[in-house]
N, C-alpha and C. Protein backbone atom coordinates (compact mmCIF):
# COMPACT_ATOMS: atom_id res chain seq x y z
N MET A 1 -100.40 -39.54 145.98
CA MET A 1 -100.22 -38.14 146.23
C MET A 1 -98.75 -37.83 146.08
N HIS A 2 -98.48 -36.79 145.37
CA HIS A 2 -97.11 -36.35 145.15
C HIS A 2 -97.03 -34.85 145.36
N GLY A 3 -95.88 -34.38 145.76
CA GLY A 3 -95.67 -32.95 145.92
C GLY A 3 -94.19 -32.65 145.99
N GLN A 4 -93.88 -31.40 145.88
CA GLN A 4 -92.50 -30.95 145.96
C GLN A 4 -92.26 -30.30 147.33
N LEU A 5 -91.13 -30.61 147.92
CA LEU A 5 -90.74 -30.01 149.19
C LEU A 5 -89.22 -29.87 149.14
N ASP A 6 -88.75 -28.65 149.23
CA ASP A 6 -87.32 -28.38 149.13
C ASP A 6 -86.76 -28.09 150.52
N PRO A 7 -85.89 -28.95 151.05
CA PRO A 7 -85.36 -28.75 152.39
C PRO A 7 -84.50 -27.49 152.52
N ARG A 8 -84.11 -26.90 151.40
CA ARG A 8 -83.31 -25.66 151.45
C ARG A 8 -84.19 -24.43 151.65
N ALA A 9 -85.49 -24.59 151.60
CA ALA A 9 -86.42 -23.45 151.69
C ALA A 9 -86.14 -22.61 152.92
N GLY A 10 -86.07 -21.29 152.71
CA GLY A 10 -85.87 -20.35 153.80
C GLY A 10 -84.42 -20.13 154.20
N THR A 11 -83.52 -20.91 153.65
CA THR A 11 -82.11 -20.75 153.98
C THR A 11 -81.48 -19.72 153.04
N PRO A 12 -80.30 -19.21 153.39
CA PRO A 12 -79.66 -18.21 152.54
C PRO A 12 -79.56 -18.68 151.09
N GLY A 13 -79.99 -17.82 150.19
CA GLY A 13 -80.01 -18.14 148.77
C GLY A 13 -81.29 -18.80 148.31
N HIS A 14 -82.14 -19.20 149.24
CA HIS A 14 -83.40 -19.87 148.92
C HIS A 14 -84.56 -19.24 149.69
N GLU A 15 -84.46 -17.95 149.91
CA GLU A 15 -85.48 -17.24 150.70
C GLU A 15 -86.86 -17.27 150.05
N THR A 16 -86.92 -17.38 148.73
CA THR A 16 -88.22 -17.37 148.04
C THR A 16 -88.75 -18.77 147.74
N THR A 17 -87.98 -19.79 148.10
CA THR A 17 -88.44 -21.16 147.89
C THR A 17 -89.53 -21.46 148.91
N PRO A 18 -90.68 -22.01 148.48
CA PRO A 18 -91.76 -22.30 149.42
C PRO A 18 -91.30 -23.26 150.53
N ILE A 19 -91.74 -22.97 151.75
CA ILE A 19 -91.39 -23.83 152.89
C ILE A 19 -92.47 -24.88 153.13
N TYR A 20 -93.41 -24.97 152.24
CA TYR A 20 -94.55 -25.88 152.35
C TYR A 20 -94.59 -26.77 151.10
N PRO A 21 -95.27 -27.91 151.17
CA PRO A 21 -95.41 -28.73 149.97
C PRO A 21 -96.13 -27.94 148.88
N HIS A 22 -95.66 -28.08 147.64
CA HIS A 22 -96.27 -27.38 146.52
C HIS A 22 -96.23 -28.29 145.29
N GLU A 23 -96.85 -27.83 144.23
CA GLU A 23 -96.97 -28.63 143.01
C GLU A 23 -97.54 -30.02 143.34
N LEU A 24 -98.67 -30.02 144.03
CA LEU A 24 -99.31 -31.26 144.45
C LEU A 24 -100.04 -31.91 143.28
N SER A 25 -100.03 -33.23 143.25
CA SER A 25 -100.78 -33.98 142.25
C SER A 25 -101.22 -35.29 142.87
N TYR A 26 -102.22 -35.89 142.26
CA TYR A 26 -102.68 -37.19 142.75
C TYR A 26 -103.17 -38.03 141.59
N THR A 27 -103.12 -39.32 141.78
CA THR A 27 -103.66 -40.29 140.83
C THR A 27 -104.49 -41.27 141.63
N VAL A 28 -105.71 -41.51 141.18
CA VAL A 28 -106.58 -42.50 141.81
C VAL A 28 -106.64 -43.71 140.89
N ARG A 29 -106.38 -44.87 141.44
CA ARG A 29 -106.48 -46.11 140.68
C ARG A 29 -107.62 -46.93 141.27
N LEU A 30 -108.62 -47.20 140.45
CA LEU A 30 -109.79 -47.94 140.90
C LEU A 30 -109.86 -49.29 140.21
N THR A 31 -110.15 -50.31 140.96
CA THR A 31 -110.44 -51.61 140.38
C THR A 31 -111.94 -51.69 140.22
N THR A 32 -112.40 -51.58 138.97
CA THR A 32 -113.83 -51.52 138.71
C THR A 32 -114.11 -51.90 137.26
N ASP A 33 -115.33 -52.33 137.02
CA ASP A 33 -115.78 -52.60 135.66
C ASP A 33 -116.47 -51.38 135.05
N VAL A 34 -116.71 -50.37 135.87
CA VAL A 34 -117.36 -49.15 135.39
C VAL A 34 -116.38 -48.40 134.49
N THR A 35 -116.87 -47.97 133.33
CA THR A 35 -116.00 -47.27 132.40
C THR A 35 -116.24 -45.77 132.40
N GLU A 36 -117.36 -45.34 132.97
CA GLU A 36 -117.70 -43.92 133.00
C GLU A 36 -117.14 -43.27 134.25
N LEU A 37 -115.87 -42.99 134.25
CA LEU A 37 -115.23 -42.41 135.43
C LEU A 37 -115.20 -40.89 135.40
N ASP A 38 -115.56 -40.29 134.26
CA ASP A 38 -115.56 -38.83 134.18
C ASP A 38 -116.53 -38.20 135.16
N ALA A 39 -117.72 -38.80 135.32
CA ALA A 39 -118.71 -38.27 136.26
C ALA A 39 -118.21 -38.38 137.69
N LEU A 40 -117.57 -39.48 138.02
CA LEU A 40 -117.01 -39.64 139.36
C LEU A 40 -115.93 -38.60 139.62
N ASN A 41 -115.05 -38.43 138.66
CA ASN A 41 -113.99 -37.43 138.81
C ASN A 41 -114.57 -36.03 138.97
N ALA A 42 -115.58 -35.70 138.20
CA ALA A 42 -116.21 -34.39 138.31
C ALA A 42 -116.83 -34.19 139.69
N ALA A 43 -117.47 -35.23 140.22
CA ALA A 43 -118.08 -35.14 141.55
C ALA A 43 -117.02 -34.95 142.62
N VAL A 44 -115.92 -35.67 142.52
CA VAL A 44 -114.83 -35.51 143.49
C VAL A 44 -114.30 -34.09 143.43
N GLU A 45 -114.04 -33.60 142.23
CA GLU A 45 -113.50 -32.25 142.10
C GLU A 45 -114.47 -31.19 142.60
N ARG A 46 -115.75 -31.46 142.53
CA ARG A 46 -116.73 -30.48 143.00
C ARG A 46 -116.97 -30.55 144.51
N PHE A 47 -117.03 -31.76 145.07
CA PHE A 47 -117.49 -31.92 146.44
C PHE A 47 -116.43 -32.31 147.47
N CYS A 48 -115.24 -32.70 147.06
CA CYS A 48 -114.24 -33.14 148.02
C CYS A 48 -113.77 -31.94 148.86
N PRO A 49 -114.01 -31.96 150.17
CA PRO A 49 -113.66 -30.80 151.00
C PRO A 49 -112.15 -30.55 151.07
N ILE A 50 -111.34 -31.58 151.11
CA ILE A 50 -109.90 -31.39 151.21
C ILE A 50 -109.34 -30.86 149.89
N LEU A 51 -109.78 -31.42 148.78
CA LEU A 51 -109.32 -30.94 147.48
C LEU A 51 -109.68 -29.47 147.30
N ASN A 52 -110.90 -29.11 147.64
CA ASN A 52 -111.32 -27.73 147.49
C ASN A 52 -110.63 -26.80 148.47
N LEU A 53 -110.33 -27.27 149.65
CA LEU A 53 -109.56 -26.47 150.61
C LEU A 53 -108.19 -26.16 150.03
N LEU A 54 -107.54 -27.17 149.47
CA LEU A 54 -106.22 -26.95 148.88
C LEU A 54 -106.29 -26.01 147.69
N ARG A 55 -107.31 -26.14 146.87
CA ARG A 55 -107.42 -25.30 145.68
C ARG A 55 -107.81 -23.87 146.00
N GLN A 56 -108.72 -23.70 146.94
CA GLN A 56 -109.24 -22.36 147.24
C GLN A 56 -108.47 -21.66 148.34
N GLY A 57 -107.81 -22.44 149.18
CA GLY A 57 -107.11 -21.85 150.31
C GLY A 57 -108.10 -21.44 151.39
N VAL A 58 -107.59 -21.15 152.53
CA VAL A 58 -108.43 -20.76 153.65
C VAL A 58 -107.57 -19.89 154.58
N THR A 59 -108.20 -18.92 155.18
CA THR A 59 -107.51 -18.08 156.15
C THR A 59 -107.34 -18.88 157.44
N VAL A 60 -106.14 -18.89 157.95
CA VAL A 60 -105.85 -19.57 159.21
C VAL A 60 -105.33 -18.53 160.19
N GLN A 61 -105.93 -18.49 161.35
CA GLN A 61 -105.50 -17.56 162.38
C GLN A 61 -105.00 -18.35 163.57
N GLY A 62 -103.93 -17.90 164.15
CA GLY A 62 -103.39 -18.59 165.31
C GLY A 62 -102.88 -17.59 166.34
N THR A 63 -102.81 -18.02 167.54
CA THR A 63 -102.27 -17.20 168.61
C THR A 63 -101.28 -18.04 169.42
N VAL A 64 -100.43 -17.36 170.13
CA VAL A 64 -99.50 -18.01 171.05
C VAL A 64 -99.76 -17.41 172.41
N GLU A 65 -100.03 -18.26 173.38
CA GLU A 65 -100.27 -17.80 174.75
C GLU A 65 -99.17 -18.33 175.64
N ARG A 66 -98.65 -17.46 176.46
CA ARG A 66 -97.61 -17.86 177.41
C ARG A 66 -98.27 -18.39 178.67
N VAL A 67 -97.82 -19.58 179.08
CA VAL A 67 -98.27 -20.16 180.34
C VAL A 67 -97.04 -20.24 181.22
N PRO A 68 -97.04 -19.55 182.36
CA PRO A 68 -95.86 -19.62 183.23
C PRO A 68 -95.50 -21.06 183.57
N ALA A 69 -94.22 -21.35 183.62
CA ALA A 69 -93.75 -22.72 183.87
C ALA A 69 -94.32 -23.30 185.15
N SER A 70 -94.51 -22.48 186.15
CA SER A 70 -95.04 -22.99 187.44
C SER A 70 -96.47 -23.50 187.27
N ARG A 71 -97.26 -22.91 186.37
CA ARG A 71 -98.62 -23.38 186.12
C ARG A 71 -98.64 -24.57 185.17
N ALA A 72 -97.71 -24.62 184.24
CA ALA A 72 -97.67 -25.70 183.26
C ALA A 72 -97.37 -27.05 183.93
N ALA A 73 -96.60 -27.05 185.01
CA ALA A 73 -96.21 -28.27 185.69
C ALA A 73 -97.35 -28.85 186.52
N ALA A 74 -98.34 -28.04 186.83
CA ALA A 74 -99.41 -28.48 187.72
C ALA A 74 -100.38 -29.42 187.02
């Protein structure tokens, strides 16, 4: 797995640089006698949940809740 990550992202002069890994790529190396790997690759690209999540994206919602320090220590 390879990707690009620029530590300057978000700093002055680099406001539009992504702050997340981008330009992701992967290489799978298999030790096998099977020569028909196209079908395997097609199945991975169709059914792999993580690959499809990365390709299609997903809406992520988050919240921040304040817990008073006196309750957090208990």
